[in-house]
């Protein structure tokens, strides 16, 4: 059982080493770590090349999701996951636990929890949205219930990212991949443990608003406009009640 971890970078010299170290320290041996770099102008590639386990491809791309598509095409593992520069696998045996459960071709997605950490790797909080016991593509009506970094997908059902989305293509991607898994009669498995330590980072207000607009379009595409409008009314009520 081979696991591919894909890290997309661009000028990530300040954060990439944390990610490289966390993969290098894994107890499980069958890991492919692909670094898809967008022709960084800093020391990112030089830092990556200090780690023998990492495979780096550095060339211009058309943005984050184009680079992710390159990673999918290059991956050779049975399962793949995306781990951002600055993020880390939660513990040294995280991949060993995942690989132990990833037996049989009938598992579409193995998913877990995520911890949000600061620049020093200190725990800040869990995510506001938590994974359900039984995840399906319909579950994402409630939002991005599983963090991208804790979503390990069978490579057989990995779809290309839709490059018409600039901010929320990962949301659409998770839904489409899970639809494909369901079509093939595959199941999804929740391991009740954190998979990743996600580096807290701010999103600009403009990008956040653009992301929300894209998510509305994605939900309308997959769940229908009426359902999406009703769901967003519920989102608004939920936010107001929690204030």
C-alpha atoms as a PDB file:
ATOM      1  CA  UNK A   1       0.000   0.000   0.000  1.00  0.00           C
ATOM      2  CA  UNK A   2       1.555   3.240  -1.167  1.00  0.00           C
ATOM      3  CA  UNK A   3       0.438   6.707  -0.077  1.00  0.00           C
ATOM      4  CA  UNK A   4       1.126   9.809  -2.171  1.00  0.00           C
ATOM      5  CA  UNK A   5       1.333  13.147  -0.386  1.00  0.00           C
ATOM      6  CA  UNK A   6       1.228  16.166  -2.693  1.00  0.00           C
ATOM      7  CA  UNK A   7       2.511  19.556  -1.565  1.00  0.00           C
ATOM      8  CA  UNK A   8       2.086  22.567  -3.852  1.00  0.00           C
ATOM      9  CA  UNK A   9       4.590  25.378  -3.294  1.00  0.00           C
ATOM     10  CA  UNK A  10       5.503  28.823  -4.502  1.00  0.00           C
ATOM     11  CA  UNK A  11       8.079  30.887  -2.608  1.00  0.00           C
ATOM     12  CA  UNK A  12       7.487  28.764   0.492  1.00  0.00           C
ATOM     13  CA  UNK A  13      10.971  28.847   2.027  1.00  0.00           C
ATOM     14  CA  UNK A  14       9.569  30.067   5.353  1.00  0.00           C
ATOM     15  CA  UNK A  15       7.185  27.134   5.826  1.00  0.00           C
ATOM     16  CA  UNK A  16       8.115  24.159   3.629  1.00  0.00           C
ATOM     17  CA  UNK A  17      10.647  22.577   6.005  1.00  0.00           C
ATOM     18  CA  UNK A  18       8.028  21.860   8.658  1.00  0.00           C
ATOM     19  CA  UNK A  19       6.056  19.858   6.102  1.00  0.00           C
ATOM     20  CA  UNK A  20       9.118  18.027   4.772  1.00  0.00           C
ATOM     21  CA  UNK A  21      10.210  17.035   8.278  1.00  0.00           C
ATOM     22  CA  UNK A  22       6.786  15.717   9.226  1.00  0.00           C
ATOM     23  CA  UNK A  23       6.731  13.427   6.188  1.00  0.00           C
ATOM     24  CA  UNK A  24      10.368  12.348   6.590  1.00  0.00           C
ATOM     25  CA  UNK A  25       9.672  11.318  10.213  1.00  0.00           C
ATOM     26  CA  UNK A  26       6.799   8.969   9.361  1.00  0.00           C
ATOM     27  CA  UNK A  27       7.148   5.385  10.569  1.00  0.00           C
ATOM     28  CA  UNK A  28       5.428   4.050   7.452  1.00  0.00           C
ATOM     29  CA  UNK A  29       7.935   3.481   4.617  1.00  0.00           C
ATOM     30  CA  UNK A  30       5.778   3.438   1.475  1.00  0.00           C
ATOM     31  CA  UNK A  31       5.247   7.190   1.062  1.00  0.00           C
ATOM     32  CA  UNK A  32       5.660   9.222  -2.113  1.00  0.00           C
ATOM     33  CA  UNK A  33       6.061  12.929  -1.339  1.00  0.00           C
ATOM     34  CA  UNK A  34       5.594  15.074  -4.422  1.00  0.00           C
ATOM     35  CA  UNK A  35       6.517  18.749  -4.277  1.00  0.00           C
ATOM     36  CA  UNK A  36       4.848  20.572  -7.165  1.00  0.00           C
ATOM     37  CA  UNK A  37       6.575  23.932  -7.249  1.00  0.00           C
ATOM     38  CA  UNK A  38       5.534  26.872  -9.409  1.00  0.00           C
ATOM     39  CA  UNK A  39       9.095  27.966 -10.274  1.00  0.00           C
ATOM     40  CA  UNK A  40       9.792  29.610  -6.922  1.00  0.00           C
ATOM     41  CA  UNK A  41      12.191  32.530  -6.869  1.00  0.00           C
ATOM     42  CA  UNK A  42      13.353  31.934  -3.299  1.00  0.00           C
ATOM     43  CA  UNK A  43      15.117  28.966  -1.629  1.00  0.00           C
ATOM     44  CA  UNK A  44      12.115  26.615  -1.652  1.00  0.00           C
ATOM     45  CA  UNK A  45      13.572  24.129  -4.161  1.00  0.00           C
ATOM     46  CA  UNK A  46      17.019  24.165  -2.499  1.00  0.00           C
ATOM     47  CA  UNK A  47      15.406  23.317   0.852  1.00  0.00           C
ATOM     48  CA  UNK A  48      13.347  20.499  -0.680  1.00  0.00           C
ATOM     49  CA  UNK A  49      16.451  18.959  -2.255  1.00  0.00           C
ATOM     50  CA  UNK A  50      17.972  18.497   1.210  1.00  0.00           C
ATOM     51  CA  UNK A  51      15.341  15.821   1.846  1.00  0.00           C
ATOM     52  CA  UNK A  52      16.038  12.594  -0.119  1.00  0.00           C
ATOM     53  CA  UNK A  53      12.474  11.333   0.260  1.00  0.00           C
ATOM     54  CA  UNK A  54      10.954  14.285  -1.623  1.00  0.00           C
ATOM     55  CA  UNK A  55      10.402  14.390  -5.381  1.00  0.00           C
ATOM     56  CA  UNK A  56      10.349  17.956  -6.668  1.00  0.00           C
ATOM     57  CA  UNK A  57       9.006  19.296  -9.954  1.00  0.00           C
ATOM     58  CA  UNK A  58       9.581  23.028 -10.386  1.00  0.00           C
ATOM     59  CA  UNK A  59       8.045  24.785 -13.372  1.00  0.00           C
ATOM     60  CA  UNK A  60       5.572  27.602 -14.066  1.00  0.00           C
ATOM     61  CA  UNK A  61       1.910  26.760 -13.640  1.00  0.00           C
ATOM     62  CA  UNK A  62      -1.476  28.429 -13.964  1.00  0.00           C
ATOM     63  CA  UNK A  63      -2.198  28.662 -10.281  1.00  0.00           C
ATOM     64  CA  UNK A  64      -2.838  26.465  -7.262  1.00  0.00           C
ATOM     65  CA  UNK A  65      -5.396  24.092  -8.739  1.00  0.00           C
ATOM     66  CA  UNK A  66      -3.455  23.637 -11.972  1.00  0.00           C
ATOM     67  CA  UNK A  67      -0.484  22.566  -9.829  1.00  0.00           C
ATOM     68  CA  UNK A  68      -2.722  20.181  -7.892  1.00  0.00           C
ATOM     69  CA  UNK A  69      -3.839  18.594 -11.167  1.00  0.00           C
ATOM     70  CA  UNK A  70      -0.176  18.071 -12.038  1.00  0.00           C
ATOM     71  CA  UNK A  71       0.264  16.330  -8.701  1.00  0.00           C
ATOM     72  CA  UNK A  72      -2.641  13.971  -9.336  1.00  0.00           C
ATOM     73  CA  UNK A  73      -1.208  13.017 -12.734  1.00  0.00           C
ATOM     74  CA  UNK A  74       2.234  12.323 -11.264  1.00  0.00           C
ATOM     75  CA  UNK A  75       1.053  10.431  -8.175  1.00  0.00           C
ATOM     76  CA  UNK A  76       1.579   6.667  -8.171  1.00  0.00           C
ATOM     77  CA  UNK A  77       0.213   5.840  -4.715  1.00  0.00           C
ATOM     78  CA  UNK A  78      -2.918   3.832  -4.003  1.00  0.00           C
ATOM     79  CA  UNK A  79      -4.245   6.814  -2.037  1.00  0.00           C
ATOM     80  CA  UNK A  80      -3.352  10.475  -2.269  1.00  0.00           C
ATOM     81  CA  UNK A  81      -3.703  13.554  -0.115  1.00  0.00           C
ATOM     82  CA  UNK A  82      -2.755  17.231  -0.355  1.00  0.00           C
ATOM     83  CA  UNK A  83      -0.658  18.740   2.430  1.00  0.00           C
ATOM     84  CA  UNK A  84       0.039  22.472   2.223  1.00  0.00           C
ATOM     85  CA  UNK A  85       3.458  23.982   2.815  1.00  0.00           C
ATOM     86  CA  UNK A  86       3.504  24.793   6.529  1.00  0.00           C
ATOM     87  CA  UNK A  87       1.057  22.044   7.454  1.00  0.00           C
ATOM     88  CA  UNK A  88       2.244  18.824   9.071  1.00  0.00           C
ATOM     89  CA  UNK A  89       1.100  15.277   9.612  1.00  0.00           C
ATOM     90  CA  UNK A  90      -0.206  15.086  13.155  1.00  0.00           C
ATOM     91  CA  UNK A  91       2.051  12.342  14.475  1.00  0.00           C
ATOM     92  CA  UNK A  92       4.874  10.110  13.306  1.00  0.00           C
ATOM     93  CA  UNK A  93       2.532   7.151  12.826  1.00  0.00           C
ATOM     94  CA  UNK A  94      -0.333   8.989  11.098  1.00  0.00           C
ATOM     95  CA  UNK A  95       0.299   7.405   7.686  1.00  0.00           C
ATOM     96  CA  UNK A  96       0.866   4.001   9.288  1.00  0.00           C
ATOM     97  CA  UNK A  97      -2.615   4.182  10.831  1.00  0.00           C
ATOM     98  CA  UNK A  98      -4.167   5.242   7.511  1.00  0.00           C
ATOM     99  CA  UNK A  99      -2.376   2.564   5.490  1.00  0.00           C
ATOM    100  CA  UNK A 100      -3.426  -0.120   7.973  1.00  0.00           C
ATOM    101  CA  UNK A 101      -7.084   0.695   7.306  1.00  0.00           C
ATOM    102  CA  UNK A 102      -6.734   1.250   3.542  1.00  0.00           C
ATOM    103  CA  UNK A 103      -7.199  -2.392   2.621  1.00  0.00           C
ATOM    104  CA  UNK A 104      -9.289  -3.436  -0.333  1.00  0.00           C
ATOM    105  CA  UNK A 105     -10.276  -1.506  -3.416  1.00  0.00           C
ATOM    106  CA  UNK A 106     -13.752  -0.736  -2.044  1.00  0.00           C
ATOM    107  CA  UNK A 107     -12.665   2.213   0.138  1.00  0.00           C
ATOM    108  CA  UNK A 108     -13.091   5.531  -1.650  1.00  0.00           C
ATOM    109  CA  UNK A 109     -12.002   7.988   1.045  1.00  0.00           C
ATOM    110  CA  UNK A 110     -10.334   7.691   4.424  1.00  0.00           C
ATOM    111  CA  UNK A 111     -10.857  10.849   6.452  1.00  0.00           C
ATOM    112  CA  UNK A 112     -10.008  12.188   9.875  1.00  0.00           C
ATOM    113  CA  UNK A 113      -9.823  15.282  12.041  1.00  0.00           C
ATOM    114  CA  UNK A 114      -7.628  18.378  11.854  1.00  0.00           C
ATOM    115  CA  UNK A 115      -5.931  20.510  14.482  1.00  0.00           C
ATOM    116  CA  UNK A 116      -5.296  24.191  13.818  1.00  0.00           C
ATOM    117  CA  UNK A 117      -1.851  25.267  15.037  1.00  0.00           C
ATOM    118  CA  UNK A 118       0.254  28.436  15.233  1.00  0.00           C
ATOM    119  CA  UNK A 119       3.645  29.157  13.647  1.00  0.00           C
ATOM    120  CA  UNK A 120       5.360  27.153  16.384  1.00  0.00           C
ATOM    121  CA  UNK A 121       3.103  24.138  15.907  1.00  0.00           C
ATOM    122  CA  UNK A 122       1.168  24.775  19.115  1.00  0.00           C
ATOM    123  CA  UNK A 123      -2.445  23.658  19.199  1.00  0.00           C
ATOM    124  CA  UNK A 124      -4.933  26.523  18.894  1.00  0.00           C
ATOM    125  CA  UNK A 125      -8.287  24.826  18.338  1.00  0.00           C
ATOM    126  CA  UNK A 126     -10.159  22.227  16.374  1.00  0.00           C
ATOM    127  CA  UNK A 127     -12.052  23.132  13.230  1.00  0.00           C
ATOM    128  CA  UNK A 128     -15.518  24.653  13.622  1.00  0.00           C
ATOM    129  CA  UNK A 129     -16.972  21.998  11.325  1.00  0.00           C
ATOM    130  CA  UNK A 130     -16.347  18.384  12.297  1.00  0.00           C
ATOM    131  CA  UNK A 131     -16.533  15.247  10.138  1.00  0.00           C
ATOM    132  CA  UNK A 132     -19.686  13.159  10.356  1.00  0.00           C
ATOM    133  CA  UNK A 133     -19.541   9.469  11.189  1.00  0.00           C
ATOM    134  CA  UNK A 134     -20.861   8.606   7.728  1.00  0.00           C
ATOM    135  CA  UNK A 135     -19.597  11.007   5.082  1.00  0.00           C
ATOM    136  CA  UNK A 136     -21.163  11.126   1.606  1.00  0.00           C
ATOM    137  CA  UNK A 137     -21.107  13.726  -1.162  1.00  0.00           C
ATOM    138  CA  UNK A 138     -24.449  14.948   0.155  1.00  0.00           C
ATOM    139  CA  UNK A 139     -22.845  15.765   3.509  1.00  0.00           C
ATOM    140  CA  UNK A 140     -21.097  18.784   1.979  1.00  0.00           C
ATOM    141  CA  UNK A 141     -24.408  20.643   1.908  1.00  0.00           C
ATOM    142  CA  UNK A 142     -23.391  21.543   5.462  1.00  0.00           C
ATOM    143  CA  UNK A 143     -20.088  23.040   4.302  1.00  0.00           C
ATOM    144  CA  UNK A 144     -16.496  21.768   4.080  1.00  0.00           C
ATOM    145  CA  UNK A 145     -16.903  19.158   6.800  1.00  0.00           C
ATOM    146  CA  UNK A 146     -13.516  17.542   6.213  1.00  0.00           C
ATOM    147  CA  UNK A 147     -10.333  19.542   5.857  1.00  0.00           C
ATOM    148  CA  UNK A 148      -8.545  18.938   2.575  1.00  0.00           C
ATOM    149  CA  UNK A 149      -5.439  17.813   4.483  1.00  0.00           C
ATOM    150  CA  UNK A 150      -7.366  15.046   6.244  1.00  0.00           C
ATOM    151  CA  UNK A 151      -9.018  13.640   3.109  1.00  0.00           C
ATOM    152  CA  UNK A 152      -7.172  10.617   1.665  1.00  0.00           C
ATOM    153  CA  UNK A 153      -8.695   9.515  -1.600  1.00  0.00           C
ATOM    154  CA  UNK A 154      -8.380   6.326  -3.613  1.00  0.00           C
ATOM    155  CA  UNK A 155      -6.386   7.369  -6.683  1.00  0.00           C
ATOM    156  CA  UNK A 156      -8.763   5.395  -8.930  1.00  0.00           C
ATOM    157  CA  UNK A 157     -11.522   7.933  -8.320  1.00  0.00           C
ATOM    158  CA  UNK A 158      -9.439  11.132  -8.169  1.00  0.00           C
ATOM    159  CA  UNK A 159     -10.953  13.690 -10.522  1.00  0.00           C
ATOM    160  CA  UNK A 160      -9.135  16.704 -12.005  1.00  0.00           C
ATOM    161  CA  UNK A 161      -9.815  20.047 -10.334  1.00  0.00           C
ATOM    162  CA  UNK A 162     -12.172  22.346 -12.196  1.00  0.00           C
ATOM    163  CA  UNK A 163      -9.995  25.337 -13.060  1.00  0.00           C
ATOM    164  CA  UNK A 164     -12.994  27.622 -13.568  1.00  0.00           C
ATOM    165  CA  UNK A 165     -13.000  27.952  -9.759  1.00  0.00           C
ATOM    166  CA  UNK A 166     -10.215  30.106  -8.321  1.00  0.00           C
ATOM    167  CA  UNK A 167     -10.874  29.822  -4.576  1.00  0.00           C
ATOM    168  CA  UNK A 168     -13.107  26.818  -3.825  1.00  0.00           C
ATOM    169  CA  UNK A 169     -12.218  24.173  -6.397  1.00  0.00           C
ATOM    170  CA  UNK A 170     -11.313  21.834  -3.516  1.00  0.00           C
ATOM    171  CA  UNK A 171     -14.927  21.942  -2.298  1.00  0.00           C
ATOM    172  CA  UNK A 172     -16.207  20.948  -5.753  1.00  0.00           C
ATOM    173  CA  UNK A 173     -13.432  18.335  -6.070  1.00  0.00           C
ATOM    174  CA  UNK A 174     -14.345  16.535  -2.847  1.00  0.00           C
ATOM    175  CA  UNK A 175     -17.986  16.306  -3.917  1.00  0.00           C
ATOM    176  CA  UNK A 176     -17.186  15.027  -7.415  1.00  0.00           C
ATOM    177  CA  UNK A 177     -14.690  12.460  -6.166  1.00  0.00           C
ATOM    178  CA  UNK A 178     -17.160  11.127  -3.629  1.00  0.00           C
ATOM    179  CA  UNK A 179     -19.879  10.953  -6.274  1.00  0.00           C
ATOM    180  CA  UNK A 180     -17.545   8.797  -8.351  1.00  0.00           C
ATOM    181  CA  UNK A 181     -16.835   6.560  -5.368  1.00  0.00           C
ATOM    182  CA  UNK A 182     -20.544   6.092  -4.681  1.00  0.00           C
ATOM    183  CA  UNK A 183     -21.159   5.315  -8.352  1.00  0.00           C
ATOM    184  CA  UNK A 184     -18.627   2.488  -8.048  1.00  0.00           C
ATOM    185  CA  UNK A 185     -20.199   1.149  -4.865  1.00  0.00           C
ATOM    186  CA  UNK A 186     -17.253   2.165  -2.689  1.00  0.00           C
ATOM    187  CA  UNK A 187     -17.423   3.142   0.985  1.00  0.00           C
ATOM    188  CA  UNK A 188     -15.846   5.933   3.067  1.00  0.00           C
ATOM    189  CA  UNK A 189     -14.033   5.364   6.345  1.00  0.00           C
ATOM    190  CA  UNK A 190     -13.715   7.758   9.293  1.00  0.00           C
ATOM    191  CA  UNK A 191     -10.735   7.283  11.597  1.00  0.00           C
ATOM    192  CA  UNK A 192     -11.448   9.117  14.836  1.00  0.00           C
ATOM    193  CA  UNK A 193      -8.079  10.823  15.127  1.00  0.00           C
ATOM    194  CA  UNK A 194      -6.354  13.970  13.848  1.00  0.00           C
ATOM    195  CA  UNK A 195      -4.529  13.474  10.555  1.00  0.00           C
ATOM    196  CA  UNK A 196      -3.061  16.936  10.080  1.00  0.00           C
ATOM    197  CA  UNK A 197      -1.898  20.034  11.931  1.00  0.00           C
ATOM    198  CA  UNK A 198      -3.165  22.918   9.821  1.00  0.00           C
ATOM    199  CA  UNK A 199      -1.228  26.177   9.964  1.00  0.00           C
ATOM    200  CA  UNK A 200      -3.621  29.008  10.827  1.00  0.00           C
ATOM    201  CA  UNK A 201      -3.522  31.649   8.136  1.00  0.00           C
ATOM    202  CA  UNK A 202      -5.719  34.582   7.326  1.00  0.00           C
ATOM    203  CA  UNK A 203      -7.687  34.970   4.104  1.00  0.00           C
ATOM    204  CA  UNK A 204      -8.267  38.472   2.785  1.00  0.00           C
ATOM    205  CA  UNK A 205     -11.841  39.727   2.961  1.00  0.00           C
ATOM    206  CA  UNK A 206     -12.012  39.953  -0.830  1.00  0.00           C
ATOM    207  CA  UNK A 207     -10.842  36.356  -1.260  1.00  0.00           C
ATOM    208  CA  UNK A 208     -13.181  35.121   1.465  1.00  0.00           C
ATOM    209  CA  UNK A 209     -16.173  36.733  -0.230  1.00  0.00           C
ATOM    210  CA  UNK A 210     -15.128  35.339  -3.620  1.00  0.00           C
ATOM    211  CA  UNK A 211     -14.768  31.899  -2.065  1.00  0.00           C
ATOM    212  CA  UNK A 212     -18.265  32.060  -0.562  1.00  0.00           C
ATOM    213  CA  UNK A 213     -19.726  33.062  -3.919  1.00  0.00           C
ATOM    214  CA  UNK A 214     -18.002  30.134  -5.601  1.00  0.00           C
ATOM    215  CA  UNK A 215     -19.252  27.739  -2.933  1.00  0.00           C
ATOM    216  CA  UNK A 216     -22.804  28.944  -3.556  1.00  0.00           C
ATOM    217  CA  UNK A 217     -22.379  28.179  -7.278  1.00  0.00           C
ATOM    218  CA  UNK A 218     -20.880  24.770  -6.499  1.00  0.00           C
ATOM    219  CA  UNK A 219     -23.693  23.854  -4.127  1.00  0.00           C
ATOM    220  CA  UNK A 220     -26.319  24.971  -6.645  1.00  0.00           C
ATOM    221  CA  UNK A 221     -24.662  22.783  -9.281  1.00  0.00           C
ATOM    222  CA  UNK A 222     -24.632  19.672  -7.106  1.00  0.00           C
ATOM    223  CA  UNK A 223     -27.701  20.107  -4.897  1.00  0.00           C
ATOM    224  CA  UNK A 224     -29.991  22.433  -6.842  1.00  0.00           C
ATOM    225  CA  UNK A 225     -30.696  26.143  -6.456  1.00  0.00           C
ATOM    226  CA  UNK A 226     -33.688  25.840  -4.102  1.00  0.00           C
ATOM    227  CA  UNK A 227     -31.853  23.545  -1.700  1.00  0.00           C
ATOM    228  CA  UNK A 228     -28.822  25.841  -1.768  1.00  0.00           C
ATOM    229  CA  UNK A 229     -30.863  28.949  -0.973  1.00  0.00           C
ATOM    230  CA  UNK A 230     -32.616  27.196   1.928  1.00  0.00           C
ATOM    231  CA  UNK A 231     -29.289  25.896   3.209  1.00  0.00           C
ATOM    232  CA  UNK A 232     -27.795  29.399   3.174  1.00  0.00           C
ATOM    233  CA  UNK A 233     -30.780  30.752   5.100  1.00  0.00           C
ATOM    234  CA  UNK A 234     -30.029  28.078   7.697  1.00  0.00           C
ATOM    235  CA  UNK A 235     -26.310  29.039   7.681  1.00  0.00           C
ATOM    236  CA  UNK A 236     -27.296  32.645   8.432  1.00  0.00           C
ATOM    237  CA  UNK A 237     -29.642  31.652  11.264  1.00  0.00           C
ATOM    238  CA  UNK A 238     -26.958  29.389  12.755  1.00  0.00           C
ATOM    239  CA  UNK A 239     -24.397  32.201  12.773  1.00  0.00           C
ATOM    240  CA  UNK A 240     -26.851  34.669  14.361  1.00  0.00           C
ATOM    241  CA  UNK A 241     -27.870  32.189  17.069  1.00  0.00           C
ATOM    242  CA  UNK A 242     -24.233  31.534  18.026  1.00  0.00           C
ATOM    243  CA  UNK A 243     -23.472  35.240  18.490  1.00  0.00           C
END
